[in-house]
N, C-alpha and C. Protein backbone atom coordinates (compact mmCIF):
# COMPACT_ATOMS: atom_id res chain seq x y z
N MET A 1 -36.76 -133.82 -0.47
CA MET A 1 -36.55 -132.72 -1.73
C MET A 1 -35.30 -131.74 -1.75
N GLU A 2 -34.79 -131.67 -2.81
CA GLU A 2 -33.32 -130.98 -2.91
C GLU A 2 -33.47 -129.53 -2.76
N ASN A 3 -32.65 -129.05 -1.83
CA ASN A 3 -32.66 -127.70 -1.58
C ASN A 3 -31.56 -126.83 -2.01
N GLU A 4 -31.60 -126.13 -3.08
CA GLU A 4 -30.63 -125.43 -3.67
C GLU A 4 -30.80 -123.81 -3.19
N ILE A 5 -29.98 -123.19 -2.57
CA ILE A 5 -30.05 -121.80 -2.30
C ILE A 5 -29.18 -120.99 -3.15
N GLN A 6 -29.72 -120.46 -4.15
CA GLN A 6 -29.20 -119.43 -5.17
C GLN A 6 -28.93 -117.98 -4.67
N GLU A 7 -29.76 -117.57 -3.73
CA GLU A 7 -29.28 -116.20 -3.27
C GLU A 7 -30.04 -116.19 -1.79
N ASN A 8 -29.69 -115.33 -1.12
CA ASN A 8 -30.13 -115.25 0.16
C ASN A 8 -31.68 -115.51 0.57
N ASN A 9 -32.39 -114.81 -0.72
CA ASN A 9 -33.65 -114.71 -0.41
C ASN A 9 -34.56 -115.54 -1.36
N ILE A 10 -33.64 -116.42 -2.05
CA ILE A 10 -34.43 -117.19 -3.29
C ILE A 10 -34.08 -118.63 -2.72
N LYS A 11 -35.07 -119.43 -2.79
CA LYS A 11 -35.00 -120.88 -2.16
C LYS A 11 -35.46 -121.69 -3.49
N VAL A 12 -34.89 -122.44 -4.16
CA VAL A 12 -35.42 -123.35 -5.16
C VAL A 12 -35.55 -124.64 -4.76
N TYR A 13 -36.69 -125.57 -4.91
CA TYR A 13 -36.80 -126.83 -4.41
C TYR A 13 -37.29 -127.56 -5.96
N ASP A 14 -37.35 -128.75 -5.52
CA ASP A 14 -37.73 -129.76 -7.00
C ASP A 14 -39.34 -129.04 -7.33
N ASP A 15 -40.22 -128.99 -6.51
CA ASP A 15 -41.20 -128.81 -6.63
C ASP A 15 -41.90 -127.16 -6.38
N ARG A 16 -41.13 -126.49 -5.79
CA ARG A 16 -41.25 -125.09 -5.71
C ARG A 16 -40.22 -123.95 -5.82
N VAL A 17 -40.72 -122.82 -5.57
CA VAL A 17 -39.39 -121.75 -5.43
C VAL A 17 -40.08 -120.65 -4.51
N GLU A 18 -39.39 -120.57 -3.58
CA GLU A 18 -39.54 -119.41 -2.25
C GLU A 18 -39.03 -118.40 -2.24
N VAL A 19 -39.70 -117.00 -2.02
CA VAL A 19 -38.66 -115.97 -1.74
C VAL A 19 -38.99 -115.71 -0.47
N VAL A 20 -38.02 -115.98 0.28
CA VAL A 20 -37.90 -115.96 1.71
C VAL A 20 -37.21 -114.81 2.35
N TYR A 21 -37.46 -114.44 3.57
CA TYR A 21 -36.96 -113.15 4.37
C TYR A 21 -35.75 -113.75 5.11
N THR A 22 -34.73 -112.91 5.34
CA THR A 22 -33.50 -113.42 6.24
C THR A 22 -33.96 -112.80 7.45
N SER A 23 -33.20 -113.55 8.58
CA SER A 23 -33.50 -112.85 9.99
C SER A 23 -32.89 -111.68 10.22
N GLY A 24 -31.70 -111.54 9.42
CA GLY A 24 -31.01 -110.07 9.93
C GLY A 24 -31.80 -109.00 9.17
N GLY A 25 -32.37 -109.28 8.03
CA GLY A 25 -33.52 -108.45 7.69
C GLY A 25 -34.67 -108.13 8.36
N ALA A 26 -35.22 -109.28 8.77
CA ALA A 26 -36.46 -109.15 9.64
C ALA A 26 -35.99 -108.62 10.91
N GLY A 27 -34.77 -108.80 11.78
CA GLY A 27 -34.30 -107.83 12.70
C GLY A 27 -34.31 -106.60 12.66
N CYS A 28 -33.82 -106.36 11.79
CA CYS A 28 -33.48 -104.81 11.46
C CYS A 28 -34.80 -104.00 11.48
N LEU A 29 -35.72 -104.50 10.71
CA LEU A 29 -37.14 -104.21 10.71
C LEU A 29 -37.75 -104.04 12.00
N LEU A 30 -37.62 -105.15 12.67
CA LEU A 30 -38.25 -105.24 13.80
C LEU A 30 -37.80 -104.25 14.76
N THR A 31 -36.39 -103.83 14.85
CA THR A 31 -35.65 -102.82 15.73
C THR A 31 -35.87 -101.73 15.47
N ALA A 32 -35.99 -101.28 14.12
CA ALA A 32 -36.50 -100.06 13.61
C ALA A 32 -37.81 -99.63 14.19
N GLY A 33 -38.79 -100.51 13.94
CA GLY A 33 -39.98 -100.14 14.25
C GLY A 33 -40.18 -99.99 15.84
N GLY A 34 -39.55 -100.89 16.64
CA GLY A 34 -39.33 -100.81 17.89
C GLY A 34 -38.96 -99.66 18.28
N ILE A 35 -37.80 -99.03 18.05
CA ILE A 35 -37.39 -97.92 18.47
C ILE A 35 -38.57 -96.56 17.95
N MET A 36 -39.18 -96.78 16.77
CA MET A 36 -40.04 -95.73 16.78
C MET A 36 -41.21 -95.65 17.57
N PHE A 37 -41.53 -97.02 17.52
CA PHE A 37 -42.93 -97.13 18.57
C PHE A 37 -42.37 -96.82 19.99
N LEU A 38 -41.23 -97.00 20.56
CA LEU A 38 -40.99 -96.34 22.12
C LEU A 38 -40.64 -94.77 21.80
N ALA A 39 -40.52 -94.25 20.68
CA ALA A 39 -40.31 -92.83 20.55
C ALA A 39 -41.80 -92.32 20.73
N SER A 40 -42.47 -92.80 20.11
CA SER A 40 -43.92 -92.22 20.02
C SER A 40 -44.47 -92.39 21.48
N LEU A 41 -44.28 -93.48 22.19
CA LEU A 41 -44.69 -93.50 23.76
C LEU A 41 -43.95 -92.64 24.62
N PHE A 42 -42.83 -92.38 24.23
CA PHE A 42 -42.01 -91.23 24.97
C PHE A 42 -42.54 -89.86 24.67
N ILE A 43 -43.00 -89.58 23.56
CA ILE A 43 -43.37 -88.29 23.00
C ILE A 43 -45.00 -88.12 23.82
N LEU A 44 -45.74 -89.26 24.04
CA LEU A 44 -46.96 -89.01 24.48
C LEU A 44 -46.91 -89.11 26.03
N PHE A 45 -46.17 -89.84 26.67
CA PHE A 45 -46.27 -90.15 28.19
C PHE A 45 -45.14 -89.20 28.93
N TYR A 46 -43.80 -88.63 28.19
CA TYR A 46 -43.17 -88.05 28.91
C TYR A 46 -42.92 -86.45 28.51
N ILE A 47 -43.12 -86.22 27.07
CA ILE A 47 -42.94 -84.71 26.60
C ILE A 47 -44.09 -84.12 26.82
N VAL A 48 -45.29 -84.55 26.49
CA VAL A 48 -46.71 -83.97 26.50
C VAL A 48 -46.93 -83.55 27.83
N PRO A 49 -47.00 -84.25 28.88
CA PRO A 49 -47.40 -84.17 30.21
C PRO A 49 -46.71 -82.91 30.63
N THR A 50 -45.38 -82.82 30.30
CA THR A 50 -44.51 -81.53 31.24
C THR A 50 -44.35 -80.27 29.92
N SER A 51 -45.32 -80.33 29.24
CA SER A 51 -45.20 -79.28 27.97
C SER A 51 -46.45 -78.35 28.36
N GLY A 52 -46.35 -77.25 27.70
CA GLY A 52 -47.28 -75.87 27.41
C GLY A 52 -48.73 -76.64 26.70
N ILE A 53 -49.49 -76.18 26.41
CA ILE A 53 -50.60 -76.20 25.81
C ILE A 53 -50.30 -76.43 24.33
N VAL A 54 -49.48 -75.66 23.51
CA VAL A 54 -49.51 -75.81 22.17
C VAL A 54 -48.49 -76.93 21.75
N ARG A 55 -47.41 -76.97 22.57
CA ARG A 55 -46.46 -78.17 22.41
C ARG A 55 -47.12 -79.47 22.66
N ALA A 56 -47.91 -79.34 23.86
CA ALA A 56 -48.45 -80.84 24.25
C ALA A 56 -49.55 -81.14 22.94
N PHE A 57 -50.20 -80.11 22.43
CA PHE A 57 -51.42 -80.23 21.25
C PHE A 57 -50.34 -81.07 20.09
N ILE A 58 -49.19 -80.51 19.81
CA ILE A 58 -48.58 -80.85 18.75
C ILE A 58 -47.91 -82.29 18.98
N GLY A 59 -47.38 -82.37 20.34
CA GLY A 59 -46.84 -83.78 20.87
C GLY A 59 -48.09 -84.84 20.63
N VAL A 60 -49.12 -84.74 21.03
CA VAL A 60 -50.38 -85.57 20.79
C VAL A 60 -50.60 -86.02 19.45
N ILE A 61 -50.80 -85.12 18.64
CA ILE A 61 -50.84 -85.21 17.28
C ILE A 61 -49.68 -86.10 16.73
N ILE A 62 -48.49 -85.72 16.59
CA ILE A 62 -47.30 -86.61 16.48
C ILE A 62 -47.11 -87.89 16.91
N GLY A 63 -47.15 -88.15 18.46
CA GLY A 63 -47.05 -89.07 19.17
C GLY A 63 -48.53 -90.11 18.81
N GLY A 64 -49.54 -89.25 18.92
CA GLY A 64 -50.50 -90.28 18.39
C GLY A 64 -50.52 -91.19 16.83
N ILE A 65 -50.04 -90.21 16.18
CA ILE A 65 -50.27 -90.67 14.66
C ILE A 65 -49.30 -91.59 14.69
N GLY A 66 -48.12 -91.22 15.33
CA GLY A 66 -46.73 -92.21 15.19
C GLY A 66 -47.24 -93.70 16.00
N PHE A 67 -47.48 -93.36 17.11
CA PHE A 67 -48.02 -94.82 17.72
C PHE A 67 -49.19 -95.70 16.70
N LEU A 68 -50.43 -95.01 16.36
CA LEU A 68 -51.13 -95.85 15.64
C LEU A 68 -50.38 -96.37 14.40
N PHE A 69 -49.49 -95.82 13.88
CA PHE A 69 -49.14 -96.14 12.51
C PHE A 69 -47.97 -97.31 12.41
N VAL A 70 -47.01 -96.85 13.52
CA VAL A 70 -46.12 -97.73 13.72
C VAL A 70 -46.38 -99.31 14.39
N SER A 71 -47.57 -99.00 15.37
CA SER A 71 -48.09 -100.23 16.01
C SER A 71 -48.96 -101.15 15.06
N THR A 72 -49.51 -100.31 13.99
CA THR A 72 -50.18 -101.22 13.08
C THR A 72 -49.24 -102.18 12.11
N MET A 73 -48.16 -100.99 11.92
CA MET A 73 -47.27 -101.95 10.88
C MET A 73 -46.22 -103.00 11.43
N LEU A 74 -45.94 -102.93 12.96
CA LEU A 74 -45.24 -103.68 13.54
C LEU A 74 -46.22 -105.20 13.63
N ILE A 75 -47.72 -104.92 14.06
CA ILE A 75 -48.42 -106.14 14.25
C ILE A 75 -48.81 -106.88 12.70
N LYS A 76 -48.74 -106.10 11.72
CA LYS A 76 -48.56 -106.98 10.39
C LYS A 76 -47.32 -107.63 10.23
N VAL A 77 -46.30 -106.83 10.34
CA VAL A 77 -44.95 -107.59 10.09
C VAL A 77 -44.97 -108.93 10.95
N LEU A 78 -45.24 -108.71 12.17
CA LEU A 78 -44.79 -109.58 13.48
C LEU A 78 -45.68 -110.86 12.80
N ARG A 79 -47.14 -110.49 12.50
CA ARG A 79 -47.80 -111.69 11.97
C ARG A 79 -47.42 -112.71 10.95
N ALA A 80 -46.71 -111.85 9.91
CA ALA A 80 -46.16 -112.21 9.01
C ALA A 80 -45.08 -113.09 9.07
N ILE A 81 -44.05 -112.62 10.26
CA ILE A 81 -42.82 -113.30 10.73
C ILE A 81 -43.23 -114.49 11.09
N LEU A 82 -44.30 -114.61 12.23
CA LEU A 82 -44.54 -115.89 12.80
C LEU A 82 -45.15 -116.99 12.14
N THR A 83 -45.73 -116.43 10.52
CA THR A 83 -46.45 -117.52 9.79
C THR A 83 -45.63 -118.43 9.08
N GLY A 84 -44.25 -118.14 9.14
CA GLY A 84 -43.13 -118.83 8.35
C GLY A 84 -42.30 -117.93 7.30
N LYS A 85 -41.31 -118.10 6.79
CA LYS A 85 -40.14 -117.57 6.41
C LYS A 85 -40.66 -117.42 4.82
N ALA A 86 -41.23 -118.17 4.44
CA ALA A 86 -41.64 -117.87 2.72
C ALA A 86 -42.78 -116.72 2.47
N VAL A 87 -42.20 -115.48 2.04
CA VAL A 87 -43.12 -114.55 1.88
C VAL A 87 -43.91 -114.79 0.25
N TYR A 88 -43.29 -115.22 -0.51
CA TYR A 88 -43.94 -115.63 -1.69
C TYR A 88 -43.54 -117.11 -2.00
N THR A 89 -44.31 -117.82 -2.86
CA THR A 89 -44.20 -119.02 -3.16
C THR A 89 -44.85 -119.27 -4.77
N ILE A 90 -43.88 -120.12 -5.37
CA ILE A 90 -44.43 -120.44 -6.80
C ILE A 90 -44.47 -121.87 -6.69
N GLN A 91 -45.71 -122.65 -6.83
CA GLN A 91 -46.10 -123.92 -6.81
C GLN A 91 -47.24 -124.19 -7.43
N ASP A 92 -47.07 -125.45 -8.15
CA ASP A 92 -48.31 -125.77 -9.16
C ASP A 92 -49.03 -125.14 -9.98
N GLY A 93 -48.23 -123.96 -10.49
CA GLY A 93 -49.04 -123.03 -11.18
C GLY A 93 -49.66 -122.11 -10.52
N TYR A 94 -49.12 -121.54 -9.23
CA TYR A 94 -49.75 -120.51 -8.47
C TYR A 94 -48.81 -119.83 -8.16
N LEU A 95 -49.13 -118.48 -7.97
CA LEU A 95 -48.10 -117.79 -7.14
C LEU A 95 -48.90 -117.48 -6.18
N LYS A 96 -48.17 -117.63 -5.08
CA LYS A 96 -48.88 -117.62 -3.47
C LYS A 96 -48.00 -116.38 -2.54
N GLY A 97 -48.80 -116.03 -1.82
CA GLY A 97 -48.51 -114.93 -0.85
C GLY A 97 -48.96 -115.59 0.33
N LYS A 98 -48.66 -114.61 1.66
CA LYS A 98 -48.85 -115.46 2.93
C LYS A 98 -50.32 -116.01 3.05
N SER A 99 -51.54 -115.18 2.46
CA SER A 99 -52.79 -115.81 2.83
C SER A 99 -53.63 -115.83 1.55
N LYS A 100 -53.08 -115.61 0.30
CA LYS A 100 -53.64 -115.41 -0.87
C LYS A 100 -52.80 -116.10 -1.97
N ALA A 101 -53.55 -116.82 -3.05
CA ALA A 101 -52.68 -117.57 -4.14
C ALA A 101 -53.70 -117.04 -5.54
N VAL A 102 -52.69 -116.99 -6.67
CA VAL A 102 -53.68 -116.54 -7.89
C VAL A 102 -52.62 -117.44 -8.86
N ARG A 103 -53.70 -118.09 -9.73
CA ARG A 103 -53.17 -118.86 -10.66
C ARG A 103 -52.45 -117.91 -11.95
N ILE A 104 -51.10 -118.55 -12.17
CA ILE A 104 -50.14 -117.69 -13.24
C ILE A 104 -50.86 -117.45 -14.56
N ASN A 105 -51.61 -118.49 -14.89
CA ASN A 105 -52.22 -118.50 -16.16
C ASN A 105 -53.04 -117.19 -16.17
N ASP A 106 -54.20 -117.13 -15.19
CA ASP A 106 -54.87 -115.99 -14.84
C ASP A 106 -54.40 -114.57 -14.55
N ILE A 107 -53.29 -114.30 -14.56
CA ILE A 107 -52.39 -112.99 -14.60
C ILE A 107 -52.24 -112.10 -15.49
N THR A 108 -52.98 -111.05 -15.64
CA THR A 108 -52.54 -110.28 -16.77
C THR A 108 -51.58 -109.14 -16.40
N ASP A 109 -51.30 -108.77 -15.33
CA ASP A 109 -50.56 -107.72 -14.98
C ASP A 109 -50.06 -107.78 -13.37
N ILE A 110 -48.68 -107.43 -13.16
CA ILE A 110 -48.16 -107.54 -11.93
C ILE A 110 -47.29 -106.17 -11.80
N LYS A 111 -47.59 -105.32 -10.64
CA LYS A 111 -46.86 -104.16 -10.46
C LYS A 111 -46.44 -104.03 -8.99
N TRP A 112 -45.39 -103.11 -8.73
CA TRP A 112 -45.39 -102.97 -7.12
C TRP A 112 -46.40 -101.81 -6.81
N ALA A 113 -46.79 -101.83 -5.90
CA ALA A 113 -47.85 -100.82 -5.19
C ALA A 113 -47.24 -100.43 -3.59
N GLY A 114 -48.19 -99.72 -2.94
CA GLY A 114 -48.27 -99.50 -1.39
C GLY A 114 -47.04 -98.33 -1.29
N SER A 115 -47.44 -97.76 0.01
CA SER A 115 -46.41 -96.48 0.28
C SER A 115 -45.42 -97.15 1.11
N SER A 116 -46.14 -97.63 2.70
CA SER A 116 -45.52 -98.13 3.55
C SER A 116 -45.14 -99.22 3.67
N LEU A 117 -46.19 -100.19 3.31
CA LEU A 117 -45.75 -101.95 2.93
C LEU A 117 -46.01 -101.89 1.75
N LYS A 118 -44.74 -102.35 1.39
CA LYS A 118 -44.79 -102.75 -0.45
C LYS A 118 -45.51 -103.86 -0.64
N TYR A 119 -46.55 -104.16 -1.82
CA TYR A 119 -47.16 -105.40 -2.17
C TYR A 119 -47.44 -105.35 -3.50
N LEU A 120 -47.36 -106.73 -3.92
CA LEU A 120 -47.74 -106.82 -5.41
C LEU A 120 -49.05 -106.74 -6.02
N ALA A 121 -49.41 -105.88 -6.74
CA ALA A 121 -50.53 -105.45 -7.32
C ALA A 121 -50.72 -106.47 -8.29
N ILE A 122 -51.78 -107.59 -8.47
CA ILE A 122 -51.67 -108.50 -9.33
C ILE A 122 -53.15 -108.50 -10.14
N LYS A 123 -53.16 -107.87 -11.38
CA LYS A 123 -54.58 -108.00 -12.09
C LYS A 123 -54.90 -109.22 -12.57
N THR A 124 -55.91 -109.79 -12.75
CA THR A 124 -56.23 -111.29 -13.30
C THR A 124 -57.29 -110.70 -14.45
N THR A 125 -57.29 -111.96 -15.38
CA THR A 125 -58.16 -112.07 -16.28
C THR A 125 -59.56 -111.61 -16.17
N ASN A 126 -60.27 -111.68 -14.88
CA ASN A 126 -61.48 -111.52 -14.53
C ASN A 126 -61.50 -110.21 -13.96
N LYS A 127 -60.66 -109.17 -14.04
CA LYS A 127 -60.46 -107.71 -14.03
C LYS A 127 -60.21 -107.38 -12.30
N LYS A 128 -60.16 -108.68 -11.44
CA LYS A 128 -59.88 -108.30 -9.94
C LYS A 128 -58.25 -108.22 -9.85
N THR A 129 -57.99 -107.20 -8.81
CA THR A 129 -56.76 -106.88 -8.28
C THR A 129 -56.67 -107.73 -7.23
N ILE A 130 -55.58 -108.46 -7.09
CA ILE A 130 -55.05 -109.23 -5.87
C ILE A 130 -53.95 -108.52 -5.49
N LYS A 131 -53.90 -108.35 -3.96
CA LYS A 131 -52.79 -107.81 -3.22
C LYS A 131 -51.92 -109.14 -2.74
N LEU A 132 -50.37 -109.28 -2.61
CA LEU A 132 -49.82 -109.96 -2.14
C LEU A 132 -48.57 -109.17 -1.42
N SER A 133 -48.92 -109.07 -0.18
CA SER A 133 -47.72 -108.10 0.60
C SER A 133 -46.50 -108.68 0.43
N SER A 134 -45.23 -107.90 0.59
CA SER A 134 -43.93 -108.45 1.18
C SER A 134 -43.71 -107.82 2.37
N TYR A 135 -44.60 -107.04 2.92
CA TYR A 135 -44.39 -106.70 4.34
C TYR A 135 -43.03 -106.01 4.67
N ASN A 136 -42.28 -105.64 3.51
CA ASN A 136 -40.92 -105.07 3.38
C ASN A 136 -39.84 -105.77 3.71
N LEU A 137 -40.23 -107.31 3.97
CA LEU A 137 -39.43 -108.21 4.55
C LEU A 137 -38.08 -108.78 3.49
N VAL A 138 -38.52 -108.66 2.23
CA VAL A 138 -37.81 -109.00 1.05
C VAL A 138 -37.56 -107.93 -0.08
N PRO A 139 -36.19 -107.71 -0.60
CA PRO A 139 -35.85 -106.83 -1.80
C PRO A 139 -36.79 -107.11 -2.98
N GLU A 140 -37.59 -105.78 -3.22
CA GLU A 140 -38.13 -105.96 -4.75
C GLU A 140 -37.30 -106.57 -5.73
N GLU A 141 -36.09 -106.30 -6.05
CA GLU A 141 -35.11 -106.88 -6.86
C GLU A 141 -35.02 -108.31 -6.91
N LYS A 142 -35.31 -108.91 -5.45
CA LYS A 142 -35.31 -110.37 -5.37
C LYS A 142 -36.57 -111.16 -5.98
N VAL A 143 -37.52 -110.50 -5.68
CA VAL A 143 -38.89 -110.76 -6.15
C VAL A 143 -39.25 -110.42 -7.59
N ASN A 144 -38.69 -109.63 -8.18
CA ASN A 144 -38.69 -109.27 -9.65
C ASN A 144 -37.87 -110.44 -10.45
N LYS A 145 -36.78 -110.56 -9.62
CA LYS A 145 -35.79 -111.58 -10.35
C LYS A 145 -36.70 -113.01 -10.40
N VAL A 146 -37.29 -113.39 -9.33
CA VAL A 146 -38.08 -114.76 -9.35
C VAL A 146 -39.40 -114.50 -10.19
N ILE A 147 -39.65 -113.49 -10.33
CA ILE A 147 -41.07 -113.41 -11.31
C ILE A 147 -40.58 -113.62 -12.74
N ASN A 148 -39.47 -112.77 -13.12
CA ASN A 148 -38.81 -112.84 -14.23
C ASN A 148 -38.18 -114.31 -14.68
N ASP A 149 -37.62 -115.19 -13.77
CA ASP A 149 -37.17 -116.32 -14.05
C ASP A 149 -38.27 -117.42 -13.95
N TYR A 150 -39.59 -117.57 -12.75
CA TYR A 150 -39.96 -118.48 -12.80
C TYR A 150 -41.86 -118.32 -13.18
N VAL A 151 -41.88 -116.80 -13.33
CA VAL A 151 -43.60 -116.75 -13.34
C VAL A 151 -43.61 -116.46 -15.02
N ILE A 152 -42.98 -115.53 -15.38
CA ILE A 152 -43.18 -115.10 -16.84
C ILE A 152 -42.83 -116.35 -17.87
N PRO A 153 -41.95 -117.13 -17.82
CA PRO A 153 -42.21 -118.12 -18.60
C PRO A 153 -43.31 -119.12 -18.79
N LYS A 154 -44.12 -119.13 -17.72
CA LYS A 154 -45.33 -119.85 -17.85
C LYS A 154 -46.42 -118.85 -18.07
N ALA A 155 -46.55 -117.56 -18.04
CA ALA A 155 -47.34 -116.54 -18.05
C ALA A 155 -48.07 -116.52 -19.20
N ASN A 156 -49.30 -116.24 -19.48
CA ASN A 156 -50.18 -115.79 -20.81
C ASN A 156 -49.29 -114.50 -21.42
N PRO A 157 -49.59 -114.36 -22.89
CA PRO A 157 -48.95 -113.56 -23.68
C PRO A 157 -49.03 -111.99 -23.06
N GLU A 158 -50.53 -111.64 -22.60
CA GLU A 158 -50.69 -110.40 -21.88
C GLU A 158 -49.77 -110.06 -20.85
N LEU A 159 -49.57 -110.85 -20.17
CA LEU A 159 -48.61 -110.74 -18.78
C LEU A 159 -47.13 -110.53 -19.27
N LYS A 160 -46.65 -111.34 -20.02
CA LYS A 160 -45.30 -110.92 -20.96
C LYS A 160 -45.27 -109.64 -21.62
N ARG A 161 -46.08 -109.19 -22.04
CA ARG A 161 -46.27 -107.80 -23.05
C ARG A 161 -46.03 -106.57 -21.97
N ASN A 162 -46.82 -106.59 -20.69
CA ASN A 162 -47.10 -105.99 -19.84
C ASN A 162 -45.44 -106.01 -18.67
N TRP A 163 -44.96 -107.08 -18.71
CA TRP A 163 -43.65 -107.21 -17.69
C TRP A 163 -42.72 -106.73 -18.73
N GLU A 164 -42.78 -106.89 -19.93
CA GLU A 164 -41.49 -106.19 -20.94
C GLU A 164 -41.62 -104.94 -20.96
N LYS A 165 -42.82 -104.36 -21.05
CA LYS A 165 -43.18 -102.92 -21.05
C LYS A 165 -42.57 -102.21 -19.62
N ARG A 166 -42.71 -102.82 -18.66
CA ARG A 166 -42.37 -102.20 -17.53
C ARG A 166 -41.00 -102.61 -17.28
N PHE A 167 -40.34 -103.58 -17.22
CA PHE A 167 -39.09 -103.80 -16.91
C PHE A 167 -38.08 -103.98 -18.17
N GLY A 168 -38.74 -104.33 -19.47
CA GLY A 168 -37.72 -104.40 -20.48
C GLY A 168 -36.47 -105.41 -20.34
N ASN A 169 -35.34 -104.97 -20.50
CA ASN A 169 -34.49 -105.97 -20.18
C ASN A 169 -33.96 -106.13 -18.64
N ILE A 170 -34.30 -105.22 -17.97
CA ILE A 170 -33.77 -105.34 -16.74
C ILE A 170 -34.33 -106.58 -15.97
N GLY A 171 -35.61 -106.94 -16.08
CA GLY A 171 -35.96 -108.09 -15.38
C GLY A 171 -35.72 -108.22 -13.95
N ALA A 172 -34.59 -108.39 -13.11
CA ALA A 172 -34.42 -108.46 -12.00
C ALA A 172 -33.70 -107.15 -11.23
């Protein structure tokens, strides 16, 4: 298969298009997550035991929430990294994420959602919402460009109208 890399995160093959993460981007995300994880542990196991009651209580709340939040995000991102570089794939009329796929003809709307880990919220013709996570590994602009260039031309009229309404002439 011929592989033509148009941009860092977009790979175009004869039979599919992939949105992939870069090693540098994944490394930065994991490094920042690791530092926050260690900071949470530092608060819980060093600052809290040597503090007064009020400071220890606040430290437990901050360290505990930080530990739970950051460790959950790190596990999700690590799982995504270990399952391959492609975050999104367009192949055989489907838009595929890491674990789910949706037929392009069935999509009525696509938008970004999520606060800590961004994902594509895809509404289908049967009124279901499917979430395809980016795990914050790829920039939204690159995904929007791929959707604009490879999904919208094959899409039903409702998705084309919704995409045009949301992104207008921006596209990417």
